[in-house]
N, C-alpha and C. Protein backbone atom coordinates (compact mmCIF):
# COMPACT_ATOMS: atom_id res chain seq x y z
N MET A 1 113.00 145.93 157.16
CA MET A 1 112.34 144.71 157.72
C MET A 1 111.02 145.19 157.60
N ALA A 2 110.52 146.36 157.83
CA ALA A 2 109.15 146.73 157.88
C ALA A 2 108.58 147.13 156.59
N LEU A 3 109.45 147.63 155.45
CA LEU A 3 109.11 147.46 154.32
C LEU A 3 109.39 146.69 153.24
N HIS A 4 110.22 145.37 153.49
CA HIS A 4 110.54 144.42 152.43
C HIS A 4 110.22 143.14 152.88
N GLU A 5 110.30 142.99 154.15
CA GLU A 5 110.42 141.36 154.40
C GLU A 5 108.89 140.86 154.46
N ARG A 6 108.61 139.67 153.88
CA ARG A 6 107.27 139.18 153.82
C ARG A 6 107.48 137.79 153.41
N SER A 7 107.02 136.87 154.20
CA SER A 7 106.95 135.51 154.19
C SER A 7 105.38 135.04 153.37
N ILE A 8 105.66 134.32 152.43
CA ILE A 8 104.31 134.05 151.50
C ILE A 8 103.95 132.44 151.66
N LEU A 9 102.77 132.27 152.18
CA LEU A 9 102.76 130.83 152.58
C LEU A 9 101.44 130.28 151.73
N ASP A 10 101.88 129.08 150.91
CA ASP A 10 101.16 128.54 149.99
C ASP A 10 100.01 127.78 150.92
N PRO A 11 98.67 128.32 150.42
CA PRO A 11 97.72 127.76 151.39
C PRO A 11 97.34 126.17 150.66
N GLN A 12 97.62 125.76 149.72
CA GLN A 12 97.26 124.38 149.44
C GLN A 12 98.43 123.46 149.91
N PHE A 13 99.75 123.94 149.92
CA PHE A 13 100.69 122.82 150.40
C PHE A 13 101.41 123.17 152.02
N GLY A 14 100.94 124.56 152.40
CA GLY A 14 101.36 124.71 153.76
C GLY A 14 102.77 125.02 153.79
N ASP A 15 103.23 125.24 152.75
CA ASP A 15 104.66 125.63 152.73
C ASP A 15 105.31 127.12 152.21
N TYR A 16 106.20 127.78 152.53
CA TYR A 16 106.54 128.95 151.98
C TYR A 16 107.02 128.84 150.66
N VAL A 17 106.82 129.68 149.73
CA VAL A 17 107.13 129.92 148.65
C VAL A 17 108.12 130.82 148.25
N ASN A 18 108.81 131.55 149.33
CA ASN A 18 109.79 132.39 149.16
C ASN A 18 110.74 132.04 150.39
N HIS A 19 111.12 130.72 150.39
CA HIS A 19 111.92 130.35 151.61
C HIS A 19 113.37 130.39 151.30
N ASP A 20 113.83 130.88 149.87
CA ASP A 20 115.12 131.21 149.76
C ASP A 20 115.09 132.61 148.96
N PHE A 21 116.38 133.10 148.82
CA PHE A 21 116.74 134.38 148.61
C PHE A 21 116.27 134.61 146.94
N ALA A 22 115.98 133.69 146.32
CA ALA A 22 115.57 133.83 144.99
C ALA A 22 114.35 134.60 144.82
N GLY A 23 113.18 134.34 145.75
CA GLY A 23 112.02 134.90 145.91
C GLY A 23 111.74 136.02 147.14
N TYR A 24 112.71 136.34 147.62
CA TYR A 24 112.71 137.10 148.73
C TYR A 24 113.29 138.56 148.43
N HIS A 25 112.61 139.45 148.73
CA HIS A 25 113.19 140.98 148.44
C HIS A 25 113.90 141.29 149.58
N LEU A 26 115.39 141.71 149.04
CA LEU A 26 116.22 142.21 150.19
C LEU A 26 116.71 143.55 149.96
N ALA A 27 116.82 144.57 150.75
CA ALA A 27 117.37 145.84 150.23
C ALA A 27 118.72 145.65 149.68
N THR A 28 118.81 146.48 148.74
CA THR A 28 120.27 146.41 148.01
C THR A 28 120.97 147.80 148.01
N ASN A 29 122.01 148.04 147.40
CA ASN A 29 122.87 149.13 147.37
C ASN A 29 121.75 150.31 146.69
N ALA A 30 120.95 149.91 145.68
CA ALA A 30 119.82 150.82 145.25
C ALA A 30 118.93 151.47 146.22
N ASP A 31 118.76 150.71 147.24
CA ASP A 31 117.80 150.89 148.11
C ASP A 31 118.06 151.90 149.47
N VAL A 32 119.47 151.93 149.36
CA VAL A 32 120.42 152.42 150.55
C VAL A 32 121.07 153.54 150.03
N GLY A 33 121.13 154.62 151.12
CA GLY A 33 121.87 155.78 150.87
C GLY A 33 123.47 155.45 150.96
N SER A 34 124.12 156.61 151.33
CA SER A 34 125.41 156.38 151.89
C SER A 34 125.61 155.64 152.82
N VAL A 35 126.77 154.80 152.90
CA VAL A 35 127.14 153.91 153.83
C VAL A 35 128.50 154.08 154.11
N GLU A 36 128.92 154.18 155.41
CA GLU A 36 130.22 154.72 155.82
C GLU A 36 130.92 153.38 156.72
N GLY A 37 131.74 152.94 156.39
CA GLY A 37 132.50 151.87 157.44
C GLY A 37 133.37 152.97 158.32
N VAL A 38 133.34 152.25 159.74
CA VAL A 38 134.08 153.01 160.74
C VAL A 38 134.86 152.02 161.63
N TRP A 39 136.12 152.28 161.88
CA TRP A 39 136.91 151.21 162.65
C TRP A 39 136.98 151.81 164.39
N VAL A 40 136.44 151.01 165.01
CA VAL A 40 136.51 151.06 166.49
C VAL A 40 137.82 150.72 166.90
N GLU A 41 138.23 151.38 167.46
CA GLU A 41 139.75 150.87 168.38
C GLU A 41 139.47 150.04 169.53
N ASP A 42 139.17 148.83 169.59
CA ASP A 42 138.42 148.09 171.02
C ASP A 42 139.13 146.77 170.65
N ASP A 43 140.17 146.42 171.06
CA ASP A 43 140.77 145.07 171.12
C ASP A 43 139.83 143.86 172.05
N ASP A 44 139.47 142.89 171.33
CA ASP A 44 138.57 141.85 172.17
C ASP A 44 138.81 140.62 171.52
N PRO A 45 139.95 140.21 172.25
CA PRO A 45 140.75 138.66 171.57
C PRO A 45 139.47 137.67 171.69
N HIS A 46 138.62 137.81 172.78
CA HIS A 46 137.51 136.60 173.05
C HIS A 46 136.46 136.67 171.79
N VAL A 47 136.43 137.47 171.01
CA VAL A 47 135.42 137.57 169.91
C VAL A 47 135.75 136.27 168.88
N ASN A 48 136.70 136.70 168.15
CA ASN A 48 137.23 135.56 167.42
C ASN A 48 138.77 135.78 167.03
N ALA A 49 139.25 134.98 166.27
CA ALA A 49 140.62 135.07 165.94
C ALA A 49 141.39 136.41 165.51
N LEU A 50 140.37 137.09 164.65
CA LEU A 50 140.84 138.70 164.26
C LEU A 50 140.24 139.65 165.34
N GLY A 51 139.48 139.29 166.18
CA GLY A 51 139.11 140.42 167.12
C GLY A 51 138.23 141.12 166.40
N ALA A 52 137.57 140.87 165.30
CA ALA A 52 136.61 141.93 164.70
C ALA A 52 135.09 141.59 165.05
N LYS A 53 134.47 142.58 165.26
CA LYS A 53 132.79 142.60 165.46
C LYS A 53 132.28 143.45 164.57
N GLY A 54 130.91 142.95 164.38
CA GLY A 54 130.01 143.80 163.45
C GLY A 54 128.89 144.47 164.56
N LYS A 55 128.88 145.66 164.19
CA LYS A 55 127.89 146.55 164.92
C LYS A 55 126.27 146.74 164.34
N GLY A 56 126.38 146.67 163.21
CA GLY A 56 125.17 147.03 162.42
C GLY A 56 123.94 146.50 162.87
N GLU A 57 123.85 145.05 162.94
CA GLU A 57 122.70 144.47 163.28
C GLU A 57 122.15 145.13 164.66
N ILE A 58 122.74 145.24 165.65
CA ILE A 58 122.45 145.72 167.12
C ILE A 58 121.58 147.35 166.74
N GLY A 59 122.54 148.05 165.79
CA GLY A 59 121.63 149.54 165.65
C GLY A 59 120.33 149.51 165.07
N ILE A 60 120.12 148.43 164.29
CA ILE A 60 119.18 148.65 163.20
C ILE A 60 117.79 147.60 163.77
N VAL A 61 117.90 147.15 164.94
CA VAL A 61 116.74 146.15 165.47
C VAL A 61 115.39 147.07 165.79
N GLY A 62 115.79 148.50 166.11
CA GLY A 62 114.45 149.17 166.46
C GLY A 62 114.04 149.95 165.06
N THR A 63 114.61 149.76 164.19
CA THR A 63 114.20 150.76 163.04
C THR A 63 112.96 150.30 162.60
N ALA A 64 112.72 148.96 162.19
CA ALA A 64 111.53 148.34 161.85
C ALA A 64 110.14 148.87 162.53
N ALA A 65 110.58 148.74 163.65
CA ALA A 65 109.38 148.80 164.58
C ALA A 65 108.88 150.32 164.72
N ALA A 66 109.95 151.27 164.46
CA ALA A 66 109.69 152.89 164.45
C ALA A 66 109.28 152.92 163.35
N ILE A 67 109.47 152.57 161.83
CA ILE A 67 109.01 152.92 160.77
C ILE A 67 107.67 152.36 160.93
N ALA A 68 107.28 151.40 161.18
CA ALA A 68 105.82 150.56 161.54
C ALA A 68 104.88 151.30 162.24
N ASN A 69 105.52 151.83 163.37
CA ASN A 69 104.57 152.79 163.98
C ASN A 69 104.24 154.11 163.52
N ALA A 70 105.31 154.52 163.06
CA ALA A 70 105.17 155.78 162.41
C ALA A 70 103.97 155.74 161.37
N VAL A 71 104.14 155.07 160.53
CA VAL A 71 102.99 154.82 159.45
C VAL A 71 101.53 154.46 159.99
N TYR A 72 101.75 153.70 161.17
CA TYR A 72 100.51 153.42 161.78
C TYR A 72 99.91 154.89 162.38
N HIS A 73 100.52 155.43 163.04
CA HIS A 73 100.18 156.80 163.80
C HIS A 73 99.67 157.94 162.67
N ALA A 74 100.45 157.71 161.46
CA ALA A 74 100.09 158.65 160.32
C ALA A 74 99.00 158.35 159.35
N ILE A 75 98.72 157.22 159.25
CA ILE A 75 97.48 156.64 158.19
C ILE A 75 96.64 155.30 158.77
N GLY A 76 97.06 154.83 159.87
CA GLY A 76 96.38 153.75 160.56
C GLY A 76 96.50 152.32 160.12
N ILE A 77 97.44 152.07 159.37
CA ILE A 77 97.77 150.72 158.85
C ILE A 77 99.16 150.14 159.60
N ARG A 78 98.82 148.83 159.83
CA ARG A 78 99.79 148.30 160.49
C ARG A 78 99.96 146.87 159.71
N ASP A 79 99.87 146.67 158.59
CA ASP A 79 99.93 145.45 157.93
C ASP A 79 101.28 145.22 157.20
N LEU A 80 102.29 144.40 157.81
CA LEU A 80 103.56 144.37 157.13
C LEU A 80 103.70 143.33 156.29
N PRO A 81 104.37 143.62 155.18
CA PRO A 81 105.47 144.59 155.02
C PRO A 81 104.55 145.98 154.53
N ILE A 82 104.99 147.11 154.81
CA ILE A 82 104.32 148.45 154.42
C ILE A 82 104.79 148.67 153.00
N THR A 83 104.03 148.49 152.32
CA THR A 83 104.14 148.75 150.66
C THR A 83 103.52 149.75 150.20
N PRO A 84 103.87 150.48 148.99
CA PRO A 84 103.14 151.61 148.33
C PRO A 84 101.63 151.33 147.99
N ASP A 85 101.40 149.97 147.59
CA ASP A 85 100.21 149.90 147.46
C ASP A 85 99.27 150.13 148.55
N LYS A 86 99.73 149.52 149.63
CA LYS A 86 98.72 149.38 151.07
C LYS A 86 98.59 150.75 151.53
N VAL A 87 99.78 151.80 151.36
CA VAL A 87 99.41 152.95 151.87
C VAL A 87 98.70 153.96 151.21
N LEU A 88 98.79 153.64 149.56
CA LEU A 88 97.89 154.46 148.87
C LEU A 88 96.37 154.13 149.13
N LEU A 89 96.18 152.65 149.48
CA LEU A 89 94.83 152.31 149.61
C LEU A 89 94.26 152.74 150.99
N ALA A 90 95.21 152.85 151.88
CA ALA A 90 94.76 153.59 152.92
C ALA A 90 94.64 155.11 153.00
N LEU A 91 95.41 155.71 152.06
CA LEU A 91 95.08 157.12 152.00
C LEU A 91 93.96 157.47 151.03
N ILE A 92 93.70 156.53 150.31
CA ILE A 92 92.15 156.89 149.62
C ILE A 92 91.06 156.64 150.43
N SER A 93 91.28 155.65 151.14
CA SER A 93 90.20 155.04 152.12
C SER A 93 89.70 156.28 153.22
N SER A 94 90.96 157.02 153.47
CA SER A 94 90.57 157.88 154.47
C SER A 94 90.14 159.19 153.86
N ALA A 95 90.51 159.32 152.68
CA ALA A 95 90.03 160.57 152.13
C ALA A 95 88.58 160.77 151.77
N HIS A 96 87.99 159.22 151.75
CA HIS A 96 86.61 159.06 151.41
C HIS A 96 85.83 158.87 152.65
N ALA A 97 86.46 158.72 153.83
CA ALA A 97 85.87 158.72 155.23
C ALA A 97 85.07 159.85 155.62
N PRO A 98 83.99 159.67 156.23
CA PRO A 98 83.09 160.91 156.28
C PRO A 98 84.08 161.73 157.85
């Protein structure tokens, strides 16, 4: 989220130009390392008919904030999404600062 998600607002019409997945960058398998599925032996008949639960979203919530805070403390930018051009500009600016 900290590295990819960005909403682009059209200033003329006030609508989002990337309101669907066609113009919205999402992480894909090329952006992610190894992923391993794990079965947790915990029967919960109240979740759904299959008793299946997804736990990935809960574990990833703090990741975007941790990345953003680490970049902010390292080079002083907090403009999301954190893209290579913003990082490079911050590094160049800090190199020229007195």
